[in-house]
Amino acid sequence: MSSKDKANPPRHVLLFSGHMIDAADRREPRFPAGKEGSVADAIAALLDTADVSAGPNDLAICGGACGGDLLFAEACLARGTALEMYIGFDENTFLADSVDFANAGWRSRFLKARSRSILHVAPDELGPLPSGADPYERNNLWMLERAMRFGPAKLIFICLWNGEGGDGPGGTKHLMEEARRNSAPVYWLDIRKL
């Protein structure tokens, strides 16, 4: 933990994981673009509950992908919550794979959130991906480790999830399991019901 972290620890650390907006060619809808408004409303409502009450004394941690990550980031920034965004690839690769495919202004939204947060880039800070490692699992574990630097009692895990396995390793289910293993309270926004 840095001296800055020790001098001014957050009240809560809000760790988020959630689905991206569906690509146009996704066979089974998971987060269709038409649900963006209801998802944004659900995230905002959760952040305003008495249990979470996100504000300037808290720290939010998330990825930066289009969909859940950026909706969470925007909602936290609107409440004055400090934000750290973690991405598993260099920024150009990340934007191509996790933001730009969805169009609809997601790149500009990422850039705006990035300008008001601290962006952490895995290859720059952790080095090259070890042989056999999955970049998404590594990013999940990195976010969890950074969230835990203030102790498990401060951690709140929030997810936007359909309750199923992901499209590959390192998805929302993986981070939820890891957060639960660290005794974090879990707030699950079930995208199927939004």
N, C-alpha and C. Protein backbone atom coordinates (compact mmCIF):
# COMPACT_ATOMS: atom_id res chain seq x y z
N MET A 1 0.85 -1.17 0.00
CA MET A 1 0.00 0.00 0.00
C MET A 1 0.90 1.24 0.00
N SER A 2 0.57 2.20 -0.85
CA SER A 2 1.36 3.41 -0.94
C SER A 2 1.11 4.30 0.28
N SER A 3 1.99 5.26 0.48
CA SER A 3 1.81 6.18 1.61
C SER A 3 0.55 7.02 1.40
N LYS A 4 0.20 7.33 0.14
CA LYS A 4 -1.03 8.07 -0.14
C LYS A 4 -2.24 7.24 0.29
N ASP A 5 -2.23 5.92 -0.02
CA ASP A 5 -3.33 5.05 0.39
C ASP A 5 -3.46 5.00 1.90
N LYS A 6 -2.32 4.91 2.60
CA LYS A 6 -2.35 4.84 4.06
C LYS A 6 -2.88 6.13 4.67
N ALA A 7 -2.53 7.26 4.06
CA ALA A 7 -2.92 8.55 4.61
C ALA A 7 -4.41 8.84 4.42
N ASN A 8 -5.00 8.29 3.36
CA ASN A 8 -6.39 8.62 3.06
C ASN A 8 -7.13 7.38 2.54
N PRO A 9 -7.33 6.37 3.40
CA PRO A 9 -8.00 5.16 2.92
C PRO A 9 -9.48 5.43 2.64
N PRO A 10 -10.05 4.73 1.67
CA PRO A 10 -11.47 4.92 1.37
C PRO A 10 -12.36 4.27 2.42
N ARG A 11 -13.58 4.76 2.49
CA ARG A 11 -14.59 4.15 3.37
C ARG A 11 -14.95 2.77 2.86
N HIS A 12 -15.28 2.68 1.55
CA HIS A 12 -15.57 1.42 0.87
C HIS A 12 -14.76 1.34 -0.41
N VAL A 13 -14.45 0.12 -0.83
CA VAL A 13 -13.88 -0.12 -2.15
C VAL A 13 -14.94 -0.90 -2.93
N LEU A 14 -15.44 -0.29 -3.99
CA LEU A 14 -16.50 -0.87 -4.81
C LEU A 14 -15.86 -1.52 -6.02
N LEU A 15 -15.79 -2.84 -6.02
CA LEU A 15 -15.19 -3.60 -7.12
C LEU A 15 -16.31 -4.08 -8.02
N PHE A 16 -16.17 -3.82 -9.32
CA PHE A 16 -17.24 -4.14 -10.27
C PHE A 16 -16.75 -5.07 -11.37
N SER A 17 -17.64 -5.95 -11.79
CA SER A 17 -17.45 -6.75 -12.99
C SER A 17 -18.81 -6.92 -13.65
N GLY A 18 -18.83 -6.88 -14.97
CA GLY A 18 -20.11 -7.04 -15.64
C GLY A 18 -19.97 -7.24 -17.13
N HIS A 19 -21.05 -7.65 -17.74
CA HIS A 19 -21.05 -7.96 -19.16
C HIS A 19 -20.83 -6.72 -20.03
N MET A 20 -20.21 -6.95 -21.18
CA MET A 20 -20.10 -5.92 -22.20
C MET A 20 -21.41 -5.87 -22.97
N ILE A 21 -21.63 -4.76 -23.65
CA ILE A 21 -22.73 -4.67 -24.62
C ILE A 21 -22.50 -5.77 -25.67
N ASP A 22 -23.55 -6.38 -26.12
CA ASP A 22 -23.43 -7.45 -27.12
C ASP A 22 -22.88 -6.92 -28.44
N ALA A 23 -22.02 -7.70 -29.05
CA ALA A 23 -21.62 -7.43 -30.43
C ALA A 23 -22.84 -7.67 -31.32
N ALA A 24 -22.86 -6.99 -32.45
CA ALA A 24 -24.02 -7.10 -33.36
C ALA A 24 -24.27 -8.53 -33.81
N ASP A 25 -23.21 -9.34 -33.89
CA ASP A 25 -23.36 -10.71 -34.38
C ASP A 25 -23.46 -11.76 -33.26
N ARG A 26 -23.69 -11.32 -32.03
CA ARG A 26 -23.79 -12.28 -30.92
C ARG A 26 -25.02 -13.17 -31.13
N ARG A 27 -24.82 -14.48 -31.06
CA ARG A 27 -25.90 -15.43 -31.34
C ARG A 27 -26.97 -15.43 -30.26
N GLU A 28 -26.57 -15.49 -29.00
CA GLU A 28 -27.53 -15.47 -27.90
C GLU A 28 -27.39 -14.16 -27.15
N PRO A 29 -28.40 -13.30 -27.16
CA PRO A 29 -28.30 -12.02 -26.49
C PRO A 29 -28.00 -12.18 -25.00
N ARG A 30 -27.14 -11.31 -24.51
CA ARG A 30 -26.80 -11.29 -23.09
C ARG A 30 -27.00 -9.87 -22.55
N PHE A 31 -26.43 -8.88 -23.24
CA PHE A 31 -26.61 -7.48 -22.89
C PHE A 31 -26.86 -6.70 -24.18
N PRO A 32 -28.09 -6.82 -24.73
CA PRO A 32 -28.40 -6.07 -25.94
C PRO A 32 -28.36 -4.57 -25.67
N ALA A 33 -27.98 -3.80 -26.67
CA ALA A 33 -27.84 -2.35 -26.52
C ALA A 33 -29.13 -1.70 -25.99
N GLY A 34 -30.27 -2.28 -26.30
CA GLY A 34 -31.53 -1.73 -25.83
C GLY A 34 -31.71 -1.76 -24.32
N LYS A 35 -30.88 -2.52 -23.62
CA LYS A 35 -30.97 -2.59 -22.15
C LYS A 35 -30.07 -1.57 -21.46
N GLU A 36 -29.33 -0.77 -22.23
CA GLU A 36 -28.38 0.15 -21.62
C GLU A 36 -29.04 1.06 -20.57
N GLY A 37 -30.17 1.64 -20.90
CA GLY A 37 -30.84 2.55 -19.97
C GLY A 37 -31.27 1.87 -18.68
N SER A 38 -31.85 0.69 -18.79
CA SER A 38 -32.31 -0.01 -17.58
C SER A 38 -31.12 -0.47 -16.73
N VAL A 39 -30.02 -0.86 -17.39
CA VAL A 39 -28.82 -1.25 -16.64
C VAL A 39 -28.23 -0.03 -15.93
N ALA A 40 -28.12 1.09 -16.63
CA ALA A 40 -27.60 2.31 -16.01
C ALA A 40 -28.45 2.70 -14.80
N ASP A 41 -29.77 2.60 -14.94
CA ASP A 41 -30.66 2.93 -13.82
C ASP A 41 -30.46 1.99 -12.65
N ALA A 42 -30.27 0.70 -12.93
CA ALA A 42 -30.08 -0.28 -11.86
C ALA A 42 -28.76 -0.05 -11.12
N ILE A 43 -27.71 0.26 -11.87
CA ILE A 43 -26.42 0.55 -11.23
C ILE A 43 -26.55 1.78 -10.35
N ALA A 44 -27.15 2.84 -10.89
CA ALA A 44 -27.32 4.08 -10.12
C ALA A 44 -28.13 3.84 -8.85
N ALA A 45 -29.21 3.08 -8.97
CA ALA A 45 -30.05 2.80 -7.81
C ALA A 45 -29.28 2.03 -6.74
N LEU A 46 -28.48 1.05 -7.16
CA LEU A 46 -27.69 0.29 -6.19
C LEU A 46 -26.65 1.18 -5.51
N LEU A 47 -25.99 2.03 -6.28
CA LEU A 47 -24.99 2.91 -5.69
C LEU A 47 -25.60 3.88 -4.68
N ASP A 48 -26.90 4.16 -4.80
CA ASP A 48 -27.57 5.08 -3.90
C ASP A 48 -28.23 4.40 -2.70
N THR A 49 -28.18 3.06 -2.62
CA THR A 49 -28.77 2.37 -1.47
C THR A 49 -27.99 2.67 -0.20
N ALA A 50 -28.63 2.48 0.93
CA ALA A 50 -27.98 2.74 2.21
C ALA A 50 -26.76 1.85 2.42
N ASP A 51 -26.82 0.61 1.92
CA ASP A 51 -25.70 -0.32 2.12
C ASP A 51 -24.44 0.11 1.35
N VAL A 52 -24.63 0.72 0.19
CA VAL A 52 -23.49 1.10 -0.65
C VAL A 52 -23.22 2.59 -0.54
N SER A 53 -24.20 3.41 -0.80
CA SER A 53 -24.13 4.87 -0.73
C SER A 53 -22.79 5.42 -1.23
N ALA A 54 -22.51 5.16 -2.51
CA ALA A 54 -21.24 5.57 -3.11
C ALA A 54 -21.10 7.08 -3.09
N GLY A 55 -19.89 7.53 -2.77
CA GLY A 55 -19.63 8.96 -2.72
C GLY A 55 -18.16 9.27 -2.72
N PRO A 56 -17.81 10.50 -2.40
CA PRO A 56 -16.42 10.96 -2.48
C PRO A 56 -15.45 10.27 -1.53
N ASN A 57 -15.96 9.60 -0.51
CA ASN A 57 -15.07 8.92 0.43
C ASN A 57 -14.79 7.47 0.05
N ASP A 58 -15.27 7.07 -1.14
CA ASP A 58 -15.12 5.69 -1.59
C ASP A 58 -14.17 5.62 -2.78
N LEU A 59 -13.77 4.39 -3.11
CA LEU A 59 -12.95 4.11 -4.28
C LEU A 59 -13.68 3.07 -5.12
N ALA A 60 -13.79 3.31 -6.42
CA ALA A 60 -14.38 2.36 -7.35
C ALA A 60 -13.28 1.76 -8.21
N ILE A 61 -13.38 0.46 -8.47
CA ILE A 61 -12.42 -0.27 -9.30
C ILE A 61 -13.20 -1.08 -10.32
N CYS A 62 -12.82 -0.95 -11.59
CA CYS A 62 -13.48 -1.72 -12.65
C CYS A 62 -12.56 -1.80 -13.85
N GLY A 63 -13.00 -2.55 -14.86
CA GLY A 63 -12.33 -2.54 -16.15
C GLY A 63 -12.78 -1.31 -16.92
N GLY A 64 -12.67 -1.35 -18.23
CA GLY A 64 -13.08 -0.19 -19.02
C GLY A 64 -13.87 -0.55 -20.25
N ALA A 65 -14.43 -1.76 -20.28
CA ALA A 65 -15.13 -2.22 -21.48
C ALA A 65 -16.47 -1.52 -21.65
N CYS A 66 -16.93 -1.50 -22.92
CA CYS A 66 -18.24 -0.94 -23.20
C CYS A 66 -19.28 -1.78 -22.47
N GLY A 67 -20.33 -1.13 -22.02
CA GLY A 67 -21.36 -1.84 -21.27
C GLY A 67 -21.20 -1.63 -19.78
N GLY A 68 -21.25 -2.73 -19.03
CA GLY A 68 -21.26 -2.66 -17.57
C GLY A 68 -20.14 -1.84 -16.97
N ASP A 69 -18.90 -2.07 -17.40
CA ASP A 69 -17.76 -1.35 -16.80
C ASP A 69 -17.94 0.16 -16.92
N LEU A 70 -18.20 0.62 -18.14
CA LEU A 70 -18.28 2.07 -18.34
C LEU A 70 -19.54 2.67 -17.72
N LEU A 71 -20.64 1.94 -17.69
CA LEU A 71 -21.83 2.45 -17.01
C LEU A 71 -21.57 2.60 -15.51
N PHE A 72 -20.88 1.62 -14.93
CA PHE A 72 -20.50 1.70 -13.51
C PHE A 72 -19.55 2.87 -13.29
N ALA A 73 -18.54 2.99 -14.15
CA ALA A 73 -17.56 4.08 -14.02
C ALA A 73 -18.25 5.44 -14.07
N GLU A 74 -19.14 5.62 -15.03
CA GLU A 74 -19.85 6.89 -15.17
C GLU A 74 -20.70 7.19 -13.94
N ALA A 75 -21.37 6.19 -13.42
CA ALA A 75 -22.22 6.39 -12.24
C ALA A 75 -21.39 6.75 -11.02
N CYS A 76 -20.24 6.11 -10.87
CA CYS A 76 -19.37 6.43 -9.73
C CYS A 76 -18.80 7.83 -9.86
N LEU A 77 -18.32 8.18 -11.04
CA LEU A 77 -17.77 9.52 -11.25
C LEU A 77 -18.82 10.58 -11.01
N ALA A 78 -20.07 10.32 -11.36
CA ALA A 78 -21.16 11.27 -11.12
C ALA A 78 -21.38 11.51 -9.64
N ARG A 79 -20.98 10.57 -8.79
CA ARG A 79 -21.14 10.69 -7.34
C ARG A 79 -19.85 11.17 -6.67
N GLY A 80 -18.85 11.52 -7.45
CA GLY A 80 -17.59 12.01 -6.89
C GLY A 80 -16.69 10.93 -6.35
N THR A 81 -16.97 9.69 -6.71
CA THR A 81 -16.18 8.55 -6.24
C THR A 81 -14.89 8.45 -7.05
N ALA A 82 -13.77 8.29 -6.38
CA ALA A 82 -12.49 8.08 -7.07
C ALA A 82 -12.57 6.78 -7.85
N LEU A 83 -11.95 6.76 -9.02
CA LEU A 83 -12.06 5.62 -9.91
C LEU A 83 -10.69 5.15 -10.38
N GLU A 84 -10.48 3.84 -10.31
CA GLU A 84 -9.32 3.18 -10.91
C GLU A 84 -9.85 2.19 -11.94
N MET A 85 -9.34 2.29 -13.18
CA MET A 85 -9.73 1.36 -14.24
C MET A 85 -8.53 0.49 -14.57
N TYR A 86 -8.80 -0.81 -14.74
CA TYR A 86 -7.75 -1.79 -15.01
C TYR A 86 -8.05 -2.49 -16.33
N ILE A 87 -7.07 -2.49 -17.22
CA ILE A 87 -7.25 -3.17 -18.51
C ILE A 87 -6.11 -4.17 -18.70
N GLY A 88 -6.44 -5.29 -19.32
CA GLY A 88 -5.50 -6.40 -19.43
C GLY A 88 -4.58 -6.36 -20.64
N PHE A 89 -4.76 -5.37 -21.51
CA PHE A 89 -3.98 -5.27 -22.75
C PHE A 89 -3.52 -3.83 -22.92
N ASP A 90 -2.60 -3.61 -23.87
CA ASP A 90 -2.26 -2.23 -24.19
C ASP A 90 -3.53 -1.52 -24.64
N GLU A 91 -3.55 -0.20 -24.51
CA GLU A 91 -4.80 0.53 -24.72
C GLU A 91 -5.37 0.35 -26.13
N ASN A 92 -4.54 0.35 -27.16
CA ASN A 92 -5.07 0.20 -28.52
C ASN A 92 -5.73 -1.16 -28.73
N THR A 93 -5.10 -2.22 -28.22
CA THR A 93 -5.69 -3.56 -28.33
C THR A 93 -6.98 -3.63 -27.54
N PHE A 94 -6.95 -3.08 -26.34
CA PHE A 94 -8.14 -3.08 -25.49
C PHE A 94 -9.30 -2.36 -26.17
N LEU A 95 -9.04 -1.17 -26.70
CA LEU A 95 -10.10 -0.42 -27.36
C LEU A 95 -10.69 -1.19 -28.53
N ALA A 96 -9.84 -1.83 -29.33
CA ALA A 96 -10.32 -2.58 -30.50
C ALA A 96 -11.18 -3.78 -30.06
N ASP A 97 -10.76 -4.48 -29.02
CA ASP A 97 -11.43 -5.71 -28.62
C ASP A 97 -12.61 -5.52 -27.66
N SER A 98 -12.57 -4.45 -26.86
CA SER A 98 -13.54 -4.34 -25.76
C SER A 98 -14.36 -3.05 -25.75
N VAL A 99 -14.14 -2.19 -26.74
CA VAL A 99 -14.87 -0.92 -26.75
C VAL A 99 -15.40 -0.59 -28.14
N ASP A 100 -14.52 -0.53 -29.11
CA ASP A 100 -14.89 0.00 -30.43
C ASP A 100 -15.91 -0.83 -31.19
N PHE A 101 -15.95 -2.13 -30.96
CA PHE A 101 -16.87 -2.98 -31.73
C PHE A 101 -18.32 -2.57 -31.53
N ALA A 102 -18.63 -1.93 -30.41
CA ALA A 102 -20.02 -1.59 -30.10
C ALA A 102 -20.44 -0.23 -30.64
N ASN A 103 -19.48 0.55 -31.15
CA ASN A 103 -19.78 1.88 -31.70
C ASN A 103 -20.52 2.72 -30.67
N ALA A 104 -21.54 3.46 -31.11
CA ALA A 104 -22.45 4.22 -30.24
C ALA A 104 -21.75 5.12 -29.22
N GLY A 105 -20.58 5.65 -29.55
CA GLY A 105 -19.93 6.58 -28.65
C GLY A 105 -19.18 5.98 -27.50
N TRP A 106 -19.03 4.66 -27.47
CA TRP A 106 -18.35 4.03 -26.33
C TRP A 106 -16.89 4.45 -26.22
N ARG A 107 -16.20 4.68 -27.34
CA ARG A 107 -14.80 5.12 -27.27
C ARG A 107 -14.71 6.47 -26.56
N SER A 108 -15.54 7.41 -26.95
CA SER A 108 -15.48 8.73 -26.31
C SER A 108 -15.85 8.63 -24.83
N ARG A 109 -16.75 7.73 -24.49
CA ARG A 109 -17.11 7.54 -23.08
C ARG A 109 -15.94 6.93 -22.30
N PHE A 110 -15.23 5.99 -22.92
CA PHE A 110 -14.04 5.43 -22.28
C PHE A 110 -13.01 6.53 -22.06
N LEU A 111 -12.74 7.33 -23.08
CA LEU A 111 -11.73 8.38 -22.97
C LEU A 111 -12.11 9.40 -21.90
N LYS A 112 -13.39 9.72 -21.81
CA LYS A 112 -13.83 10.66 -20.78
C LYS A 112 -13.64 10.07 -19.39
N ALA A 113 -14.03 8.82 -19.20
CA ALA A 113 -13.83 8.17 -17.89
C ALA A 113 -12.35 8.05 -17.57
N ARG A 114 -11.57 7.68 -18.56
CA ARG A 114 -10.12 7.56 -18.35
C ARG A 114 -9.52 8.87 -17.90
N SER A 115 -9.99 9.98 -18.47
CA SER A 115 -9.43 11.30 -18.13
C SER A 115 -9.74 11.70 -16.69
N ARG A 116 -10.72 11.05 -16.08
CA ARG A 116 -11.11 11.39 -14.71
C ARG A 116 -10.77 10.27 -13.72
N SER A 117 -9.93 9.34 -14.14
CA SER A 117 -9.59 8.19 -13.29
C SER A 117 -8.10 7.91 -13.39
N ILE A 118 -7.68 6.87 -12.72
CA ILE A 118 -6.32 6.36 -12.87
C ILE A 118 -6.44 5.08 -13.68
N LEU A 119 -5.79 5.06 -14.84
CA LEU A 119 -5.82 3.89 -15.71
C LEU A 119 -4.60 3.02 -15.44
N HIS A 120 -4.84 1.75 -15.18
CA HIS A 120 -3.78 0.77 -14.98
C HIS A 120 -3.79 -0.20 -16.15
N VAL A 121 -2.64 -0.38 -16.78
CA VAL A 121 -2.51 -1.21 -17.97
C VAL A 121 -1.61 -2.40 -17.62
N ALA A 122 -2.18 -3.60 -17.65
CA ALA A 122 -1.48 -4.80 -17.18
C ALA A 122 -0.09 -4.98 -17.80
N PRO A 123 0.08 -4.94 -19.12
CA PRO A 123 1.43 -5.16 -19.64
C PRO A 123 2.45 -4.14 -19.15
N ASP A 124 2.00 -2.90 -18.91
CA ASP A 124 2.91 -1.87 -18.42
C ASP A 124 3.29 -2.08 -16.97
N GLU A 125 2.33 -2.52 -16.15
CA GLU A 125 2.58 -2.61 -14.71
C GLU A 125 2.93 -4.01 -14.24
N LEU A 126 2.43 -5.03 -14.94
CA LEU A 126 2.68 -6.41 -14.52
C LEU A 126 3.68 -7.13 -15.43
N GLY A 127 3.99 -6.54 -16.56
CA GLY A 127 4.88 -7.17 -17.52
C GLY A 127 4.11 -8.06 -18.48
N PRO A 128 4.84 -8.74 -19.34
CA PRO A 128 4.18 -9.62 -20.32
C PRO A 128 3.37 -10.72 -19.63
N LEU A 129 2.35 -11.16 -20.32
CA LEU A 129 1.51 -12.24 -19.81
C LEU A 129 2.35 -13.52 -19.75
N PRO A 130 2.41 -14.18 -18.60
CA PRO A 130 3.16 -15.43 -18.52
C PRO A 130 2.59 -16.50 -19.44
N SER A 131 3.43 -17.36 -19.89
CA SER A 131 3.01 -18.45 -20.77
C SER A 131 1.93 -19.28 -20.08
N GLY A 132 0.85 -19.54 -20.80
CA GLY A 132 -0.24 -20.36 -20.26
C GLY A 132 -1.24 -19.60 -19.42
N ALA A 133 -0.99 -18.32 -19.13
CA ALA A 133 -1.91 -17.54 -18.30
C ALA A 133 -3.00 -16.93 -19.18
N ASP A 134 -4.15 -16.70 -18.59
CA ASP A 134 -5.25 -16.06 -19.30
C ASP A 134 -5.27 -14.57 -18.93
N PRO A 135 -5.31 -13.68 -19.92
CA PRO A 135 -5.26 -12.24 -19.62
C PRO A 135 -6.47 -11.74 -18.85
N TYR A 136 -7.62 -12.35 -19.05
CA TYR A 136 -8.83 -11.90 -18.36
C TYR A 136 -8.83 -12.34 -16.90
N GLU A 137 -8.39 -13.57 -16.65
CA GLU A 137 -8.26 -14.01 -15.25
C GLU A 137 -7.21 -13.19 -14.53
N ARG A 138 -6.09 -12.91 -15.22
CA ARG A 138 -5.04 -12.09 -14.59
C ARG A 138 -5.59 -10.72 -14.22
N ASN A 139 -6.36 -10.11 -15.12
CA ASN A 139 -6.91 -8.79 -14.84
C ASN A 139 -7.89 -8.84 -13.67
N ASN A 140 -8.75 -9.86 -13.64
CA ASN A 140 -9.67 -10.01 -12.50
C ASN A 140 -8.92 -10.10 -11.18
N LEU A 141 -7.92 -10.95 -11.14
CA LEU A 141 -7.17 -11.15 -9.90
C LEU A 141 -6.40 -9.89 -9.51
N TRP A 142 -5.92 -9.17 -10.50
CA TRP A 142 -5.22 -7.92 -10.25
C TRP A 142 -6.17 -6.89 -9.64
N MET A 143 -7.36 -6.75 -10.22
CA MET A 143 -8.33 -5.81 -9.66
C MET A 143 -8.69 -6.19 -8.23
N LEU A 144 -8.90 -7.49 -7.98
CA LEU A 144 -9.24 -7.94 -6.63
C LEU A 144 -8.10 -7.65 -5.67
N GLU A 145 -6.88 -7.94 -6.08
CA GLU A 145 -5.72 -7.66 -5.22
C GLU A 145 -5.64 -6.18 -4.88
N ARG A 146 -5.83 -5.32 -5.86
CA ARG A 146 -5.77 -3.87 -5.64
C ARG A 146 -6.92 -3.42 -4.75
N ALA A 147 -8.09 -4.02 -4.90
CA ALA A 147 -9.22 -3.67 -4.04
C ALA A 147 -8.97 -4.12 -2.60
N MET A 148 -8.29 -5.24 -2.44
CA MET A 148 -8.05 -5.81 -1.10
C MET A 148 -6.92 -5.10 -0.36
N ARG A 149 -6.22 -4.20 -1.01
CA ARG A 149 -5.09 -3.54 -0.33
C ARG A 149 -5.53 -2.73 0.88
N PHE A 150 -6.81 -2.44 0.97
CA PHE A 150 -7.34 -1.70 2.11
C PHE A 150 -7.96 -2.61 3.16
N GLY A 151 -7.91 -3.91 2.92
CA GLY A 151 -8.48 -4.89 3.84
C GLY A 151 -9.84 -5.38 3.38
N PRO A 152 -10.17 -6.62 3.71
CA PRO A 152 -11.41 -7.22 3.24
C PRO A 152 -12.67 -6.55 3.77
N ALA A 153 -12.60 -5.90 4.91
CA ALA A 153 -13.81 -5.29 5.49
C ALA A 153 -14.32 -4.12 4.66
N LYS A 154 -13.48 -3.53 3.83
CA LYS A 154 -13.88 -2.38 3.03
C LYS A 154 -14.45 -2.77 1.67
N LEU A 155 -14.26 -4.02 1.27
CA LEU A 155 -14.61 -4.45 -0.08
C LEU A 155 -16.10 -4.73 -0.24
N ILE A 156 -16.67 -4.20 -1.31
CA ILE A 156 -18.02 -4.50 -1.76
C ILE A 156 -17.91 -4.90 -3.22
N PHE A 157 -18.43 -6.07 -3.57
CA PHE A 157 -18.38 -6.53 -4.96
C PHE A 157 -19.74 -6.34 -5.60
N ILE A 158 -19.75 -5.71 -6.77
CA ILE A 158 -20.98 -5.46 -7.53
C ILE A 158 -20.81 -6.09 -8.90
N CYS A 159 -21.80 -6.86 -9.34
CA CYS A 159 -21.69 -7.46 -10.66
C CYS A 159 -22.98 -7.32 -11.45
N LEU A 160 -22.80 -7.22 -12.74
CA LEU A 160 -23.88 -7.25 -13.72
C LEU A 160 -23.69 -8.55 -14.46
N TRP A 161 -24.59 -9.51 -14.21
CA TRP A 161 -24.30 -10.88 -14.65
C TRP A 161 -25.60 -11.60 -14.98
N ASN A 162 -25.51 -12.52 -15.92
CA ASN A 162 -26.69 -13.31 -16.30
C ASN A 162 -26.76 -14.65 -15.57
N GLY A 163 -25.84 -14.90 -14.64
CA GLY A 163 -25.88 -16.12 -13.84
C GLY A 163 -25.29 -17.34 -14.53
N GLU A 164 -24.71 -17.17 -15.68
CA GLU A 164 -24.16 -18.29 -16.44
C GLU A 164 -22.65 -18.18 -16.55
N GLY A 165 -22.03 -19.24 -17.05
CA GLY A 165 -20.60 -19.19 -17.34
C GLY A 165 -20.35 -18.18 -18.44
N GLY A 166 -19.15 -17.68 -18.52
CA GLY A 166 -18.83 -16.66 -19.52
C GLY A 166 -18.51 -17.25 -20.87
N ASP A 167 -18.08 -16.36 -21.77
CA ASP A 167 -17.68 -16.78 -23.10
C ASP A 167 -16.28 -17.38 -23.10
N GLY A 168 -15.61 -17.29 -21.98
CA GLY A 168 -14.26 -17.83 -21.84
C GLY A 168 -13.80 -17.59 -20.41
N PRO A 169 -12.53 -17.88 -20.12
CA PRO A 169 -12.01 -17.68 -18.77
C PRO A 169 -12.03 -16.21 -18.36
N GLY A 170 -12.06 -15.98 -17.07
CA GLY A 170 -11.88 -14.64 -16.55
C GLY A 170 -13.08 -13.73 -16.63
N GLY A 171 -14.26 -14.25 -16.68
CA GLY A 171 -15.46 -13.42 -16.77
C GLY A 171 -15.97 -13.00 -15.41
N THR A 172 -17.21 -12.52 -15.41
CA THR A 172 -17.84 -12.03 -14.19
C THR A 172 -17.98 -13.14 -13.15
N LYS A 173 -18.34 -14.34 -13.58
CA LYS A 173 -18.48 -15.46 -12.64
C LYS A 173 -17.17 -15.71 -11.91
N HIS A 174 -16.06 -15.67 -12.62
CA HIS A 174 -14.75 -15.89 -12.02
C HIS A 174 -14.47 -14.86 -10.92
N LEU A 175 -14.70 -13.58 -11.22
CA LEU A 175 -14.39 -12.56 -10.22
C LEU A 175 -15.36 -12.64 -9.05
N MET A 176 -16.63 -13.00 -9.30
CA MET A 176 -17.57 -13.17 -8.19
C MET A 176 -17.10 -14.28 -7.25
N GLU A 177 -16.68 -15.40 -7.82
CA GLU A 177 -16.20 -16.50 -6.99
C GLU A 177 -14.99 -16.08 -6.16
N GLU A 178 -14.08 -15.35 -6.77
CA GLU A 178 -12.89 -14.88 -6.05
C GLU A 178 -13.26 -13.88 -4.96
N ALA A 179 -14.19 -12.98 -5.24
CA ALA A 179 -14.62 -12.00 -4.24
C ALA A 179 -15.29 -12.71 -3.06
N ARG A 180 -16.14 -13.68 -3.37
CA ARG A 180 -16.79 -14.44 -2.29
C ARG A 180 -15.77 -15.19 -1.45
N ARG A 181 -14.76 -15.72 -2.10
CA ARG A 181 -13.70 -16.43 -1.38
C ARG A 181 -13.00 -15.49 -0.39
N ASN A 182 -13.03 -14.21 -0.69
CA ASN A 182 -12.43 -13.20 0.19
C ASN A 182 -13.47 -12.53 1.09
N SER A 183 -14.63 -13.17 1.22
CA SER A 183 -15.71 -12.76 2.14
C SER A 183 -16.31 -11.40 1.81
N ALA A 184 -16.24 -10.98 0.58
CA ALA A 184 -16.84 -9.70 0.21
C ALA A 184 -18.35 -9.84 0.08
N PRO A 185 -19.11 -8.84 0.54
CA PRO A 185 -20.53 -8.85 0.24
C PRO A 185 -20.72 -8.68 -1.27
N VAL A 186 -21.68 -9.40 -1.83
CA VAL A 186 -21.91 -9.39 -3.27
C VAL A 186 -23.28 -8.81 -3.56
N TYR A 187 -23.29 -7.85 -4.47
CA TYR A 187 -24.54 -7.27 -4.97
C TYR A 187 -24.63 -7.65 -6.44
N TRP A 188 -25.60 -8.51 -6.75
CA TRP A 188 -25.74 -9.06 -8.08
C TRP A 188 -26.91 -8.39 -8.79
N LEU A 189 -26.60 -7.66 -9.85
CA LEU A 189 -27.62 -7.11 -10.73
C LEU A 189 -27.83 -8.13 -11.83
N ASP A 190 -28.95 -8.82 -11.78
CA ASP A 190 -29.23 -9.91 -12.72
C ASP A 190 -29.74 -9.30 -14.03
N ILE A 191 -28.92 -9.29 -15.04
CA ILE A 191 -29.26 -8.64 -16.29
C ILE A 191 -30.49 -9.25 -16.96
N ARG A 192 -30.79 -10.50 -16.65
CA ARG A 192 -31.98 -11.14 -17.22
C ARG A 192 -33.26 -10.48 -16.73
N LYS A 193 -33.20 -9.83 -15.57
CA LYS A 193 -34.38 -9.23 -14.97
C LYS A 193 -34.47 -7.73 -15.19
N LEU A 194 -33.52 -7.18 -15.92
CA LEU A 194 -33.51 -5.72 -16.14
C LEU A 194 -34.12 -5.39 -17.50
